[in-house]
Amino acid sequence: MKRNTPLFFLFLAPALISFIVVIIVPFAIGVWYSFTDWNIITASPQNFVGLDNFRIVMDDVTFIHSFLITTAFAVLSVITVNIAAFFMATLVTRKLKLTNMYRAGFFLPNLIGGIILGYIWFFVFNRALIGLGEAMNIGFLQQSLLLNRWTALFSLVIVGTWRSAGYIMMIYVAAI
């Protein structure tokens, strides 16, 4: 089908309209709200305040800390997911007896819903690892890894890597 025919635009219209309504319009409204003093609680009228909101946020130590932690999480997650996925992809592209079972097993965590994933890892961090730490007398495992900000960050990176590496592995397998 030629791209400049009316039929092409007829088929393109639902996706384009959906994209505009669901992505572009809310994004534009959010940008507008960021330059006003609009408050969701009081639903006060919108007065343009310019860059004052951004200045206030940049002066907030809590925001800066949260931004840095989020950036560290994003960088660590991207690196660990890709390294794990690459190694898994090289493993499942070899001539092994159980290659298809490995592929399915590595991809399976991607199919687990967020709530179930939260319960599983809550149990691992707050029960299983603590029990293992007490049984083997490993000091840092005798309390939840989620209590310390650094171990919590790395714990979340591990959870994200465990969940996403199988999906990225499939992309690497397709490339290999």
C-alpha atoms as a PDB file:
ATOM      1  CA  MET A   1       0.000   0.000   0.000  1.00  0.00           C
ATOM      2  CA  LYS A   2       1.345   3.388  -0.933  1.00  0.00           C
ATOM      3  CA  ARG A   3       1.866   5.748   1.971  1.00  0.00           C
ATOM      4  CA  ASN A   4       0.189   8.748   0.400  1.00  0.00           C
ATOM      5  CA  THR A   5      -3.190   7.134  -0.294  1.00  0.00           C
ATOM      6  CA  PRO A   6      -6.337   8.022   1.678  1.00  0.00           C
ATOM      7  CA  LEU A   7      -6.665   4.382   2.762  1.00  0.00           C
ATOM      8  CA  PHE A   8      -3.245   4.545   4.419  1.00  0.00           C
ATOM      9  CA  PHE A   9      -4.303   7.574   6.469  1.00  0.00           C
ATOM     10  CA  LEU A  10      -7.607   5.890   7.320  1.00  0.00           C
ATOM     11  CA  PHE A  11      -5.744   2.942   8.855  1.00  0.00           C
ATOM     12  CA  LEU A  12      -3.228   5.248  10.527  1.00  0.00           C
ATOM     13  CA  ALA A  13      -5.867   7.539  12.080  1.00  0.00           C
ATOM     14  CA  PRO A  14      -6.975   5.370  15.069  1.00  0.00           C
ATOM     15  CA  ALA A  15      -3.411   4.791  16.255  1.00  0.00           C
ATOM     16  CA  LEU A  16      -2.450   8.423  15.680  1.00  0.00           C
ATOM     17  CA  ILE A  17      -5.543   9.769  17.466  1.00  0.00           C
ATOM     18  CA  SER A  18      -4.972   7.381  20.379  1.00  0.00           C
ATOM     19  CA  PHE A  19      -1.339   8.444  20.638  1.00  0.00           C
ATOM     20  CA  ILE A  20      -2.264  12.115  20.640  1.00  0.00           C
ATOM     21  CA  VAL A  21      -5.053  11.706  23.214  1.00  0.00           C
ATOM     22  CA  VAL A  22      -3.199   9.352  25.567  1.00  0.00           C
ATOM     23  CA  ILE A  23       0.405  10.616  25.279  1.00  0.00           C
ATOM     24  CA  ILE A  24       0.735  14.055  23.692  1.00  0.00           C
ATOM     25  CA  VAL A  25      -2.197  15.888  25.346  1.00  0.00           C
ATOM     26  CA  PRO A  26      -1.437  14.729  28.939  1.00  0.00           C
ATOM     27  CA  PHE A  27       2.242  15.542  28.405  1.00  0.00           C
ATOM     28  CA  ALA A  28       1.390  19.055  27.206  1.00  0.00           C
ATOM     29  CA  ILE A  29      -0.987  19.594  30.132  1.00  0.00           C
ATOM     30  CA  GLY A  30       1.711  18.406  32.562  1.00  0.00           C
ATOM     31  CA  VAL A  31       4.220  20.832  31.060  1.00  0.00           C
ATOM     32  CA  TRP A  32       1.684  23.664  31.375  1.00  0.00           C
ATOM     33  CA  TYR A  33       0.954  22.757  35.027  1.00  0.00           C
ATOM     34  CA  SER A  34       4.665  22.804  35.823  1.00  0.00           C
ATOM     35  CA  PHE A  35       4.750  26.522  34.988  1.00  0.00           C
ATOM     36  CA  THR A  36       1.666  27.404  37.082  1.00  0.00           C
ATOM     37  CA  ASP A  37       0.730  27.412  40.768  1.00  0.00           C
ATOM     38  CA  TRP A  38      -2.081  24.898  40.179  1.00  0.00           C
ATOM     39  CA  ASN A  39      -2.825  22.685  43.169  1.00  0.00           C
ATOM     40  CA  ILE A  40      -4.726  19.424  42.845  1.00  0.00           C
ATOM     41  CA  ILE A  41      -6.016  19.621  46.424  1.00  0.00           C
ATOM     42  CA  THR A  42      -7.650  23.028  46.275  1.00  0.00           C
ATOM     43  CA  ALA A  43      -8.097  23.080  42.490  1.00  0.00           C
ATOM     44  CA  SER A  44      -7.127  26.733  42.619  1.00  0.00           C
ATOM     45  CA  PRO A  45      -7.033  28.790  39.450  1.00  0.00           C
ATOM     46  CA  GLN A  46      -3.897  28.473  37.418  1.00  0.00           C
ATOM     47  CA  ASN A  47      -1.581  31.452  37.727  1.00  0.00           C
ATOM     48  CA  PHE A  48       1.550  31.448  35.612  1.00  0.00           C
ATOM     49  CA  VAL A  49       4.649  31.402  37.871  1.00  0.00           C
ATOM     50  CA  GLY A  50       7.333  30.663  35.274  1.00  0.00           C
ATOM     51  CA  LEU A  51      10.379  28.785  36.514  1.00  0.00           C
ATOM     52  CA  ASP A  52       9.629  29.312  40.239  1.00  0.00           C
ATOM     53  CA  ASN A  53       8.462  25.704  40.671  1.00  0.00           C
ATOM     54  CA  PHE A  54      11.735  24.413  39.227  1.00  0.00           C
ATOM     55  CA  ARG A  55      13.790  26.739  41.434  1.00  0.00           C
ATOM     56  CA  ILE A  56      11.924  25.511  44.516  1.00  0.00           C
ATOM     57  CA  VAL A  57      12.478  21.874  43.574  1.00  0.00           C
ATOM     58  CA  MET A  58      16.184  22.383  42.875  1.00  0.00           C
ATOM     59  CA  ASP A  59      16.627  23.968  46.304  1.00  0.00           C
ATOM     60  CA  ASP A  60      15.007  20.947  47.999  1.00  0.00           C
ATOM     61  CA  VAL A  61      17.634  18.546  49.390  1.00  0.00           C
ATOM     62  CA  THR A  62      15.136  15.675  49.435  1.00  0.00           C
ATOM     63  CA  PHE A  63      14.468  16.085  45.716  1.00  0.00           C
ATOM     64  CA  ILE A  64      18.175  16.155  44.879  1.00  0.00           C
ATOM     65  CA  HIS A  65      18.750  13.017  46.969  1.00  0.00           C
ATOM     66  CA  SER A  66      15.803  11.233  45.320  1.00  0.00           C
ATOM     67  CA  PHE A  67      17.019  12.285  41.879  1.00  0.00           C
ATOM     68  CA  LEU A  68      20.514  10.922  42.543  1.00  0.00           C
ATOM     69  CA  ILE A  69      19.195   7.620  43.913  1.00  0.00           C
ATOM     70  CA  THR A  70      16.877   7.255  40.920  1.00  0.00           C
ATOM     71  CA  THR A  71      19.736   7.988  38.533  1.00  0.00           C
ATOM     72  CA  ALA A  72      21.965   5.429  40.276  1.00  0.00           C
ATOM     73  CA  PHE A  73      19.147   2.865  40.099  1.00  0.00           C
ATOM     74  CA  ALA A  74      18.594   3.513  36.391  1.00  0.00           C
ATOM     75  CA  VAL A  75      22.292   3.274  35.498  1.00  0.00           C
ATOM     76  CA  LEU A  76      22.881   0.146  37.586  1.00  0.00           C
ATOM     77  CA  SER A  77      19.723  -1.502  36.226  1.00  0.00           C
ATOM     78  CA  VAL A  78      20.601  -0.875  32.596  1.00  0.00           C
ATOM     79  CA  ILE A  79      24.107  -2.235  33.083  1.00  0.00           C
ATOM     80  CA  THR A  80      23.153  -5.331  35.079  1.00  0.00           C
ATOM     81  CA  VAL A  81      20.136  -6.240  32.931  1.00  0.00           C
ATOM     82  CA  ASN A  82      22.189  -6.082  29.750  1.00  0.00           C
ATOM     83  CA  ILE A  83      25.134  -8.022  31.168  1.00  0.00           C
ATOM     84  CA  ALA A  84      22.867 -10.749  32.568  1.00  0.00           C
ATOM     85  CA  ALA A  85      20.791 -10.899  29.378  1.00  0.00           C
ATOM     86  CA  PHE A  86      23.873 -11.140  27.189  1.00  0.00           C
ATOM     87  CA  PHE A  87      25.315 -14.020  29.208  1.00  0.00           C
ATOM     88  CA  MET A  88      21.958 -15.807  29.233  1.00  0.00           C
ATOM     89  CA  ALA A  89      21.631 -15.302  25.474  1.00  0.00           C
ATOM     90  CA  THR A  90      25.064 -16.772  24.833  1.00  0.00           C
ATOM     91  CA  LEU A  91      24.140 -19.731  27.050  1.00  0.00           C
ATOM     92  CA  VAL A  92      20.859 -20.516  25.295  1.00  0.00           C
ATOM     93  CA  THR A  93      22.295 -20.176  21.788  1.00  0.00           C
ATOM     94  CA  ARG A  94      24.780 -22.977  22.408  1.00  0.00           C
ATOM     95  CA  LYS A  95      24.033 -26.559  21.474  1.00  0.00           C
ATOM     96  CA  LEU A  96      22.859 -27.794  24.885  1.00  0.00           C
ATOM     97  CA  LYS A  97      20.339 -30.518  25.668  1.00  0.00           C
ATOM     98  CA  LEU A  98      17.917 -28.300  27.590  1.00  0.00           C
ATOM     99  CA  THR A  99      18.256 -25.069  25.610  1.00  0.00           C
ATOM    100  CA  ASN A 100      14.503 -24.518  25.183  1.00  0.00           C
ATOM    101  CA  MET A 101      13.897 -25.180  28.867  1.00  0.00           C
ATOM    102  CA  TYR A 102      16.577 -22.614  29.758  1.00  0.00           C
ATOM    103  CA  ARG A 103      14.971 -20.066  27.444  1.00  0.00           C
ATOM    104  CA  ALA A 104      11.561 -20.596  29.018  1.00  0.00           C
ATOM    105  CA  GLY A 105      13.001 -20.508  32.538  1.00  0.00           C
ATOM    106  CA  PHE A 106      14.921 -17.305  31.905  1.00  0.00           C
ATOM    107  CA  PHE A 107      11.869 -15.639  30.333  1.00  0.00           C
ATOM    108  CA  LEU A 108       9.391 -16.775  33.001  1.00  0.00           C
ATOM    109  CA  PRO A 109      10.064 -13.965  35.551  1.00  0.00           C
ATOM    110  CA  ASN A 110       8.979 -11.459  32.901  1.00  0.00           C
ATOM    111  CA  LEU A 111       5.490 -12.989  32.987  1.00  0.00           C
ATOM    112  CA  ILE A 112       4.979 -12.643  36.745  1.00  0.00           C
ATOM    113  CA  GLY A 113       2.682  -9.802  37.759  1.00  0.00           C
ATOM    114  CA  GLY A 114       3.977  -6.915  39.855  1.00  0.00           C
ATOM    115  CA  ILE A 115       1.980  -7.746  42.992  1.00  0.00           C
ATOM    116  CA  ILE A 116       3.088 -11.381  43.017  1.00  0.00           C
ATOM    117  CA  LEU A 117       6.646 -10.290  42.288  1.00  0.00           C
ATOM    118  CA  GLY A 118       6.490  -7.947  45.290  1.00  0.00           C
ATOM    119  CA  TYR A 119       5.274 -10.716  47.601  1.00  0.00           C
ATOM    120  CA  ILE A 120       7.932 -13.145  46.397  1.00  0.00           C
ATOM    121  CA  TRP A 121      10.809 -10.723  46.898  1.00  0.00           C
ATOM    122  CA  PHE A 122       9.352  -9.404  50.169  1.00  0.00           C
ATOM    123  CA  PHE A 123       9.520 -12.967  51.466  1.00  0.00           C
ATOM    124  CA  VAL A 124      13.053 -13.439  50.102  1.00  0.00           C
ATOM    125  CA  PHE A 125      14.419 -10.234  51.656  1.00  0.00           C
ATOM    126  CA  ASN A 126      12.483 -10.312  54.931  1.00  0.00           C
ATOM    127  CA  ARG A 127      12.306 -14.021  55.711  1.00  0.00           C
ATOM    128  CA  ALA A 128      14.465 -16.300  53.571  1.00  0.00           C
ATOM    129  CA  LEU A 129      17.711 -14.318  53.591  1.00  0.00           C
ATOM    130  CA  ILE A 130      17.349 -13.482  57.278  1.00  0.00           C
ATOM    131  CA  GLY A 131      16.862 -17.172  58.087  1.00  0.00           C
ATOM    132  CA  LEU A 132      19.881 -18.056  55.944  1.00  0.00           C
ATOM    133  CA  GLY A 133      21.957 -15.351  57.637  1.00  0.00           C
ATOM    134  CA  GLU A 134      21.038 -16.613  61.091  1.00  0.00           C
ATOM    135  CA  ALA A 135      21.649 -20.268  60.179  1.00  0.00           C
ATOM    136  CA  MET A 136      25.056 -19.549  58.628  1.00  0.00           C
ATOM    137  CA  ASN A 137      25.946 -16.740  61.055  1.00  0.00           C
ATOM    138  CA  ILE A 138      26.377 -14.133  58.297  1.00  0.00           C
ATOM    139  CA  GLY A 139      26.068 -10.736  59.964  1.00  0.00           C
ATOM    140  CA  PHE A 140      24.735  -8.518  57.191  1.00  0.00           C
ATOM    141  CA  LEU A 141      22.061 -11.076  56.236  1.00  0.00           C
ATOM    142  CA  GLN A 142      20.626 -11.245  59.747  1.00  0.00           C
ATOM    143  CA  GLN A 143      18.494  -8.182  59.044  1.00  0.00           C
ATOM    144  CA  SER A 144      16.439  -7.245  56.006  1.00  0.00           C
ATOM    145  CA  LEU A 145      18.442  -5.869  53.104  1.00  0.00           C
ATOM    146  CA  LEU A 146      15.656  -3.331  52.634  1.00  0.00           C
ATOM    147  CA  LEU A 147      16.496  -1.495  55.881  1.00  0.00           C
ATOM    148  CA  ASN A 148      19.750   0.079  54.660  1.00  0.00           C
ATOM    149  CA  ARG A 149      19.539   2.564  51.792  1.00  0.00           C
ATOM    150  CA  TRP A 150      22.469   1.068  49.854  1.00  0.00           C
ATOM    151  CA  THR A 151      21.522  -2.567  50.250  1.00  0.00           C
ATOM    152  CA  ALA A 152      17.924  -1.587  49.398  1.00  0.00           C
ATOM    153  CA  LEU A 153      19.128   0.059  46.188  1.00  0.00           C
ATOM    154  CA  PHE A 154      21.112  -3.010  45.173  1.00  0.00           C
ATOM    155  CA  SER A 155      18.221  -5.273  46.190  1.00  0.00           C
ATOM    156  CA  LEU A 156      15.896  -3.380  43.863  1.00  0.00           C
ATOM    157  CA  VAL A 157      18.463  -3.603  41.075  1.00  0.00           C
ATOM    158  CA  ILE A 158      18.614  -7.380  41.610  1.00  0.00           C
ATOM    159  CA  VAL A 159      14.817  -7.664  41.471  1.00  0.00           C
ATOM    160  CA  GLY A 160      14.620  -5.554  38.305  1.00  0.00           C
ATOM    161  CA  THR A 161      17.413  -7.511  36.679  1.00  0.00           C
ATOM    162  CA  TRP A 162      15.826 -10.831  37.606  1.00  0.00           C
ATOM    163  CA  ARG A 163      12.532  -9.743  36.088  1.00  0.00           C
ATOM    164  CA  SER A 164      13.755  -8.019  32.904  1.00  0.00           C
ATOM    165  CA  ALA A 165      16.832  -9.969  31.863  1.00  0.00           C
ATOM    166  CA  GLY A 166      14.807 -12.756  30.207  1.00  0.00           C
ATOM    167  CA  TYR A 167      13.012 -10.317  27.934  1.00  0.00           C
ATOM    168  CA  ILE A 168      16.220  -8.568  26.920  1.00  0.00           C
ATOM    169  CA  MET A 169      17.809 -12.017  26.488  1.00  0.00           C
ATOM    170  CA  MET A 170      15.237 -12.780  23.784  1.00  0.00           C
ATOM    171  CA  ILE A 171      16.254  -9.623  21.923  1.00  0.00           C
ATOM    172  CA  TYR A 172      19.903 -10.676  22.120  1.00  0.00           C
ATOM    173  CA  VAL A 173      18.997 -14.209  20.978  1.00  0.00           C
ATOM    174  CA  ALA A 174      17.220 -12.733  17.947  1.00  0.00           C
ATOM    175  CA  ALA A 175      20.345 -10.683  17.179  1.00  0.00           C
ATOM    176  CA  ILE A 176      22.705 -13.644  17.603  1.00  0.00           C
END
